[in-house]
Amino acid sequence: MECTFDGDRVRAGTDAREQFYDSRGYGRPHNGALELAPVEAAHLLYRGDIERVRDERPETAQYLDFESLLDTVVRAVDFFVYRELRDRGFYLSPVREGWVDDIDQFAEADFVVYPRGEGPWDDTVAYRVRVASERESIPADSLLALATGDPTGVLAVVDEESEVTYFECDRPTMTGSSHHDLSATSGTLLEDRVLVETPPDALHERAFYGQPLDHEDDALQLSLIEATHLAGRGLLSVEGGELALLERGRTVEGDRFDRRLAVYDALRTAGIVPKTGFKFGADFRTYAHVESVDDLGHSERLVRVCPADHVFDPRDLALDVRLAGGVRKQLVCALVADDDIDWLSVGRLTP
């Protein structure tokens, strides 16, 4: 079978359409023949279904085998993901003009993956997949774009041993039922927290603010985040007011304090109770439904607060996801730009 490469796609003869597209979902029919994306041709070369491809570009004019196609044309990480998903029983197509409808919908993806038993001749797509190396930096806005819309957005990370880990990306709805009416109180600003000597019972017992100083004392210690949130709502007074708390928080944490406060405020407004996530390497752990600390369930999410222009390192992301999954929680990244927050959830996926 004669296959040619023009620098963009591989063209094969009329027999190839029946052999590769009709029965196995490779490429796209064109004028009675078949056009293949380079990564598809690389997979067929790897399998031995075709022997070589004639490169018609004047500056090269040579025959391409699997190794040379992978070395000069196809990203190795793309090939490893394509092969792995094929081995899992999926048909998939590269995101390129003529291969997928409404290509703008898949702008952040490298492949569309069809449900098992279906292929490019069907209308259903199961996953949008973006491919990255473990050493590649991934801007947060690109993951948000991948997480937006249907079908499911997936980040496929290829490690140094060419194994693939899949992460499902989504835009979660952050809502809860933990809304409480509270009485105002006063406290004393210490170095990096606030002490409330005689707090209203509901402040901790029902709304889960702070921690008791000890079991035999009514006094309550609040974090700077909790105290600033309460002061901003007129529920806590300290010497110097809310401004003193803000200044202390910025002294302790810098700009990070304002981002964390914005996320804390948003979570409380949504009826979700945030508590420190330090033990889990996160900013907050969250409870969507709190009626009493005496009947408190497990927290559902770990929230990591990042600036909107954050760039993810796949290794760090894999660590965060693994830790969250290990304690049966969902990892959510809160991406903050001023007072605007985008929520991004990331979790392990086995296609």
Protein backbone atom coordinates (compact mmCIF):
# COMPACT_ATOMS: atom_id res chain seq x y z
CA MET A 1 0.00 0.00 0.00
CA GLU A 2 1.49 3.34 -1.08
CA CYS A 3 1.18 6.08 1.54
CA THR A 4 2.43 9.63 1.03
CA PHE A 5 3.04 12.53 3.40
CA ASP A 6 2.70 16.16 2.33
CA GLY A 7 3.80 17.76 5.58
CA ASP A 8 0.29 17.87 7.04
CA ARG A 9 -1.39 14.52 6.50
CA VAL A 10 -0.75 11.05 5.17
CA ARG A 11 -2.71 9.92 2.15
CA ALA A 12 -3.44 6.30 1.39
CA GLY A 13 -5.25 4.56 -1.48
CA THR A 14 -8.82 3.39 -1.88
CA ASP A 15 -8.16 0.05 -0.19
CA ALA A 16 -7.07 1.88 2.96
CA ARG A 17 -10.51 3.33 3.59
CA GLU A 18 -12.14 -0.05 4.06
CA GLN A 19 -9.16 -1.53 5.90
CA PHE A 20 -8.45 1.32 8.30
CA TYR A 21 -11.43 3.69 8.53
CA ASP A 22 -14.52 1.53 8.00
CA SER A 23 -13.36 -1.27 10.29
CA ARG A 24 -11.03 0.49 12.76
CA GLY A 25 -11.78 4.22 12.80
CA TYR A 26 -8.45 5.60 11.51
CA GLY A 27 -8.37 8.82 9.50
CA ARG A 28 -11.08 10.35 7.34
CA PRO A 29 -12.32 9.41 3.87
CA HIS A 30 -11.36 11.89 1.13
CA ASN A 31 -12.22 11.59 -2.56
CA GLY A 32 -12.69 7.84 -2.25
CA ALA A 33 -9.31 7.35 -0.55
CA LEU A 34 -8.16 7.90 3.06
CA GLU A 35 -6.36 10.70 4.84
CA LEU A 36 -4.51 9.97 8.08
CA ALA A 37 -3.17 12.35 10.71
CA PRO A 38 0.56 11.76 11.31
CA VAL A 39 -0.08 10.26 14.77
CA GLU A 40 -2.51 7.76 13.23
CA ALA A 41 0.02 6.83 10.57
CA ALA A 42 2.66 6.42 13.30
CA HIS A 43 0.40 3.96 15.11
CA LEU A 44 -0.19 1.97 11.93
CA LEU A 45 3.56 1.92 11.26
CA TYR A 46 4.16 0.81 14.86
CA ARG A 47 1.68 -2.04 14.43
CA GLY A 48 3.18 -3.05 11.11
CA ASP A 49 -0.08 -2.39 9.22
CA ILE A 50 1.85 -0.16 6.85
CA GLU A 51 5.57 -0.44 6.20
CA ARG A 52 6.63 3.10 5.39
CA VAL A 53 5.41 6.48 4.19
CA ARG A 54 6.87 8.39 1.27
CA ASP A 55 7.65 11.97 2.27
CA GLU A 56 6.73 14.22 -0.67
CA ARG A 57 8.13 17.42 0.78
CA PRO A 58 10.83 18.73 -1.59
CA GLU A 59 13.22 19.58 1.21
CA THR A 60 13.21 16.03 2.59
CA ALA A 61 12.15 13.61 -0.18
CA GLN A 62 12.64 10.40 1.77
CA TYR A 63 10.76 7.46 3.15
CA LEU A 64 9.55 7.65 6.74
CA ASP A 65 9.38 4.64 9.03
CA PHE A 66 7.94 4.63 12.56
CA GLU A 67 11.07 5.96 14.24
CA SER A 68 11.70 8.77 11.76
CA LEU A 69 8.04 9.87 11.81
CA LEU A 70 8.11 9.99 15.61
CA ASP A 71 11.47 11.78 15.55
CA THR A 72 10.57 14.51 13.06
CA VAL A 73 6.79 14.92 12.83
CA VAL A 74 4.79 13.45 15.73
CA ARG A 75 5.17 14.41 19.39
CA ALA A 76 6.20 11.29 21.29
CA VAL A 77 3.76 12.04 24.13
CA ASP A 78 0.88 12.26 21.62
CA PHE A 79 1.78 8.86 20.24
CA PHE A 80 1.99 7.23 23.67
CA VAL A 81 -1.47 8.52 24.64
CA TYR A 82 -2.93 7.52 21.26
CA ARG A 83 -1.48 4.01 21.56
CA GLU A 84 -2.57 3.62 25.19
CA LEU A 85 -6.18 4.59 24.50
CA ARG A 86 -6.27 2.31 21.46
CA ASP A 87 -4.98 -0.50 23.65
CA ARG A 88 -7.82 0.24 26.08
CA GLY A 89 -10.33 -0.37 23.29
CA PHE A 90 -11.18 3.21 22.34
CA TYR A 91 -11.34 4.80 18.92
CA LEU A 92 -10.06 8.37 18.94
CA SER A 93 -9.34 11.17 16.51
CA PRO A 94 -6.88 14.06 16.52
CA VAL A 95 -8.46 17.49 16.88
CA ARG A 96 -7.92 19.00 13.44
CA GLU A 97 -9.95 20.51 10.63
CA GLY A 98 -11.99 17.85 8.89
CA TRP A 99 -11.54 15.35 11.70
CA VAL A 100 -14.02 16.83 14.21
CA ASP A 101 -17.10 19.01 13.84
CA ASP A 102 -17.18 22.43 15.55
CA ILE A 103 -13.43 22.44 16.12
CA ASP A 104 -13.62 25.54 18.37
CA GLN A 105 -15.39 23.39 20.97
CA PHE A 106 -12.24 21.28 21.25
CA ALA A 107 -9.64 24.07 21.11
CA GLU A 108 -7.80 22.95 24.26
CA ALA A 109 -7.79 19.26 23.32
CA ASP A 110 -5.41 17.15 21.26
CA PHE A 111 -7.79 14.20 20.82
CA VAL A 112 -11.48 13.40 20.98
CA VAL A 113 -12.22 9.92 22.32
CA TYR A 114 -15.40 8.07 21.40
CA PRO A 115 -17.38 5.80 23.74
CA ARG A 116 -16.38 2.14 23.57
CA GLY A 117 -18.14 0.52 20.62
CA GLU A 118 -18.46 3.81 18.77
CA GLY A 119 -16.18 5.66 16.39
CA PRO A 120 -15.77 8.74 14.20
CA TRP A 121 -18.82 7.79 12.15
CA ASP A 122 -21.00 8.31 15.26
CA ASP A 123 -22.01 11.65 16.78
CA THR A 124 -20.99 10.96 20.39
CA VAL A 125 -17.71 11.98 22.03
CA ALA A 126 -16.85 10.61 25.49
CA TYR A 127 -13.73 12.65 26.31
CA ARG A 128 -11.75 15.68 25.18
CA VAL A 129 -8.10 14.87 25.90
CA ARG A 130 -5.17 17.24 26.24
CA VAL A 131 -1.73 15.63 26.25
CA ALA A 132 1.20 16.88 28.33
CA SER A 133 4.61 15.68 29.40
CA GLU A 134 5.32 15.42 33.13
CA ARG A 135 7.90 18.18 32.61
CA GLU A 136 5.49 20.55 30.86
CA SER A 137 4.09 23.62 32.63
CA ILE A 138 0.31 23.93 32.32
CA PRO A 139 -1.34 27.38 32.67
CA ALA A 140 -4.44 27.37 34.86
CA ASP A 141 -6.56 29.06 32.20
CA SER A 142 -5.91 26.20 29.78
CA LEU A 143 -7.18 23.68 32.32
CA LEU A 144 -10.23 25.85 32.96
CA ALA A 145 -10.95 25.87 29.23
CA LEU A 146 -10.53 22.08 29.16
CA ALA A 147 -12.90 21.75 32.11
CA THR A 148 -15.57 23.93 30.53
CA GLY A 149 -18.38 22.35 28.54
CA ASP A 150 -19.08 18.83 27.35
CA PRO A 151 -17.86 16.18 26.95
CA THR A 152 -15.55 15.50 29.89
CA GLY A 153 -12.19 17.26 29.70
CA VAL A 154 -9.19 15.07 30.46
CA LEU A 155 -5.53 15.90 30.99
CA ALA A 156 -3.31 12.98 29.98
CA VAL A 157 0.18 13.27 31.47
CA VAL A 158 2.97 11.11 30.07
CA ASP A 159 5.78 10.43 32.53
CA GLU A 160 9.45 9.78 31.80
CA GLU A 161 8.78 6.03 31.42
CA SER A 162 6.00 6.73 28.90
CA GLU A 163 3.21 5.67 31.25
CA VAL A 164 0.02 7.74 31.07
CA THR A 165 -1.96 9.16 34.00
CA TYR A 166 -5.38 10.66 33.32
CA PHE A 167 -6.93 13.54 35.24
CA GLU A 168 -10.57 14.53 34.87
CA CYS A 169 -11.10 18.31 34.91
CA ASP A 170 -14.42 19.93 35.80
CA ARG A 171 -16.02 23.17 36.94
CA PRO A 172 -17.79 22.18 40.19
CA THR A 173 -20.81 23.96 41.61
CA MET A 174 -19.84 25.08 45.09
CA THR A 175 -23.00 25.06 47.23
CA GLY A 176 -23.91 23.94 50.72
CA SER A 177 -26.58 24.33 53.40
CA SER A 178 -24.50 25.70 56.27
CA HIS A 179 -26.11 29.11 56.79
CA HIS A 180 -26.36 30.31 60.40
CA ASP A 181 -27.66 33.38 62.22
CA LEU A 182 -25.02 34.62 64.64
CA SER A 183 -24.79 37.23 67.37
CA ALA A 184 -22.00 39.79 67.35
CA THR A 185 -19.08 39.39 69.73
CA SER A 186 -15.66 40.90 70.46
CA GLY A 187 -12.13 39.54 70.62
CA THR A 188 -8.47 40.33 71.12
CA LEU A 189 -6.01 40.31 68.22
CA LEU A 190 -2.94 38.29 69.14
CA GLU A 191 0.10 37.64 66.93
CA ASP A 192 -1.63 35.66 64.17
CA ARG A 193 -5.06 34.79 65.59
CA VAL A 194 -7.91 36.24 67.62
CA LEU A 195 -9.03 35.18 71.09
CA VAL A 196 -12.73 35.48 71.95
CA GLU A 197 -13.23 35.15 75.73
CA THR A 198 -17.02 34.76 75.80
CA PRO A 199 -18.22 33.70 72.35
CA PRO A 200 -21.88 33.06 71.52
CA ASP A 201 -22.56 29.32 71.76
CA ALA A 202 -23.58 29.10 68.11
CA LEU A 203 -20.30 30.55 66.84
CA HIS A 204 -18.45 27.28 67.20
CA GLU A 205 -21.10 24.75 68.16
CA ARG A 206 -23.31 25.39 65.13
CA ALA A 207 -21.39 27.53 62.64
CA PHE A 208 -18.03 25.80 63.30
CA TYR A 209 -15.90 28.92 63.62
CA GLY A 210 -12.62 28.61 65.51
CA GLN A 211 -11.44 26.07 68.04
CA PRO A 212 -12.02 26.04 71.83
CA LEU A 213 -8.97 27.11 73.80
CA ASP A 214 -9.45 24.02 75.95
CA HIS A 215 -12.29 21.74 76.96
CA GLU A 216 -12.92 23.43 80.30
CA ASP A 217 -12.97 27.04 79.07
CA ASP A 218 -15.52 28.84 76.94
CA ALA A 219 -12.81 30.90 75.19
CA LEU A 220 -12.49 30.43 71.45
CA GLN A 221 -9.49 31.02 69.19
CA LEU A 222 -10.18 32.19 65.63
CA SER A 223 -7.79 32.13 62.70
CA LEU A 224 -7.04 35.46 61.03
CA ILE A 225 -9.12 34.37 58.04
CA GLU A 226 -12.13 33.52 60.20
CA ALA A 227 -11.80 36.70 62.25
CA THR A 228 -11.47 38.97 59.21
CA HIS A 229 -14.48 37.35 57.60
CA LEU A 230 -16.59 37.87 60.73
CA ALA A 231 -15.37 41.44 61.19
CA GLY A 232 -16.26 42.23 57.59
CA ARG A 233 -19.82 41.17 58.34
CA GLY A 234 -20.11 43.16 61.55
CA LEU A 235 -20.08 40.04 63.73
CA LEU A 236 -16.71 40.57 65.42
CA SER A 237 -15.08 43.67 66.84
CA VAL A 238 -11.39 43.98 67.70
CA GLU A 239 -9.18 46.97 68.43
CA GLY A 240 -8.45 48.63 65.09
CA GLY A 241 -11.38 46.89 63.45
CA GLU A 242 -11.36 44.94 60.18
CA LEU A 243 -8.46 47.02 58.84
CA ALA A 244 -6.20 45.86 61.68
CA LEU A 245 -7.03 42.25 60.85
CA LEU A 246 -6.39 42.78 57.14
CA GLU A 247 -3.05 44.46 57.82
CA ARG A 248 -2.00 41.65 60.19
CA GLY A 249 -3.02 39.01 57.67
CA ARG A 250 -1.03 40.70 54.90
CA THR A 251 1.96 41.00 57.20
CA VAL A 252 1.80 37.29 57.98
CA GLU A 253 0.97 35.95 54.50
CA GLY A 254 1.43 38.74 51.95
CA ASP A 255 -0.90 38.79 48.92
CA ARG A 256 -1.85 35.19 49.62
CA PHE A 257 -3.98 36.35 52.54
CA ASP A 258 -6.29 38.39 50.30
CA ARG A 259 -6.75 35.46 47.90
CA ARG A 260 -7.50 33.06 50.74
CA LEU A 261 -9.91 35.55 52.33
CA ALA A 262 -11.77 36.00 49.02
CA VAL A 263 -12.16 32.22 48.74
CA TYR A 264 -13.18 31.88 52.39
CA ASP A 265 -15.83 34.59 51.96
CA ALA A 266 -17.16 32.92 48.80
CA LEU A 267 -17.39 29.52 50.45
CA ARG A 268 -19.21 30.84 53.53
CA THR A 269 -21.59 32.80 51.28
CA ALA A 270 -22.30 29.57 49.38
CA GLY A 271 -23.21 27.78 52.61
CA ILE A 272 -19.95 25.84 52.86
CA VAL A 273 -17.82 25.77 56.01
CA PRO A 274 -14.07 26.03 55.33
CA LYS A 275 -11.53 24.91 57.91
CA THR A 276 -7.78 24.76 57.63
CA GLY A 277 -6.45 22.16 55.20
CA PHE A 278 -2.88 22.33 56.50
CA LYS A 279 -2.73 18.64 57.49
CA PHE A 280 -3.60 17.75 53.89
CA GLY A 281 -1.27 20.22 52.22
CA ALA A 282 -4.21 22.41 51.14
CA ASP A 283 -5.57 25.82 52.10
CA PHE A 284 -8.96 24.57 53.27
CA ARG A 285 -10.96 21.44 53.88
CA THR A 286 -14.69 22.04 53.47
CA TYR A 287 -18.01 20.89 54.89
CA ALA A 288 -21.14 21.47 52.82
CA HIS A 289 -23.61 20.61 55.59
CA VAL A 290 -22.93 21.57 59.21
CA GLU A 291 -25.69 21.66 61.81
CA SER A 292 -23.64 20.87 64.90
CA VAL A 293 -19.99 20.10 65.62
CA ASP A 294 -21.26 17.20 67.72
CA ASP A 295 -22.63 15.56 64.56
CA LEU A 296 -19.93 16.52 62.09
CA GLY A 297 -19.28 14.32 59.08
CA HIS A 298 -16.11 14.09 57.04
CA SER A 299 -15.04 17.04 54.95
CA GLU A 300 -15.76 16.54 51.27
CA ARG A 301 -13.20 18.72 49.50
CA LEU A 302 -9.69 20.04 49.75
CA VAL A 303 -9.37 23.55 48.35
CA ARG A 304 -6.10 24.89 47.04
CA VAL A 305 -6.07 28.68 46.48
CA CYS A 306 -4.05 29.96 43.51
CA PRO A 307 -3.78 33.19 41.54
CA ALA A 308 -5.66 33.15 38.24
CA ASP A 309 -2.39 33.17 36.31
CA HIS A 310 -1.06 30.15 38.19
CA VAL A 311 0.95 27.60 36.21
CA PHE A 312 0.58 23.98 37.30
CA ASP A 313 3.46 21.54 37.48
CA PRO A 314 2.07 18.09 36.58
CA ARG A 315 4.10 16.45 39.34
CA ASP A 316 2.66 18.76 42.00
CA LEU A 317 -0.82 18.32 40.57
CA ALA A 318 -0.45 14.54 40.65
CA LEU A 319 0.67 14.73 44.29
CA ASP A 320 -2.30 16.90 45.29
CA VAL A 321 -4.78 14.65 43.49
CA ARG A 322 -3.26 11.49 44.96
CA LEU A 323 -3.39 12.92 48.49
CA ALA A 324 -7.00 14.09 48.10
CA GLY A 325 -8.06 10.71 46.73
CA GLY A 326 -6.23 8.93 49.53
CA VAL A 327 -8.35 10.70 52.14
CA ARG A 328 -11.55 10.38 50.08
CA LYS A 329 -11.85 14.03 49.18
CA GLN A 330 -12.16 15.99 45.95
CA LEU A 331 -9.40 18.41 45.02
CA VAL A 332 -10.69 21.84 44.03
CA CYS A 333 -8.45 24.68 42.91
CA ALA A 334 -9.81 28.18 43.53
CA LEU A 335 -8.30 30.47 40.89
CA VAL A 336 -8.53 34.05 42.12
CA ALA A 337 -8.36 37.28 40.11
CA ASP A 338 -9.29 40.19 42.38
CA ASP A 339 -12.75 39.18 43.64
CA ASP A 340 -13.50 36.81 40.77
CA ILE A 341 -13.05 33.11 41.52
CA ASP A 342 -13.05 30.22 39.08
CA TRP A 343 -13.44 26.75 40.58
CA LEU A 344 -11.55 23.87 38.99
CA SER A 345 -11.77 20.29 40.22
CA VAL A 346 -9.15 17.73 39.24
CA GLY A 347 -9.32 14.00 39.94
CA ARG A 348 -7.85 10.72 38.77
CA LEU A 349 -9.67 9.03 35.91
CA THR A 350 -9.46 5.51 34.55
CA PRO A 351 -10.98 5.63 31.06
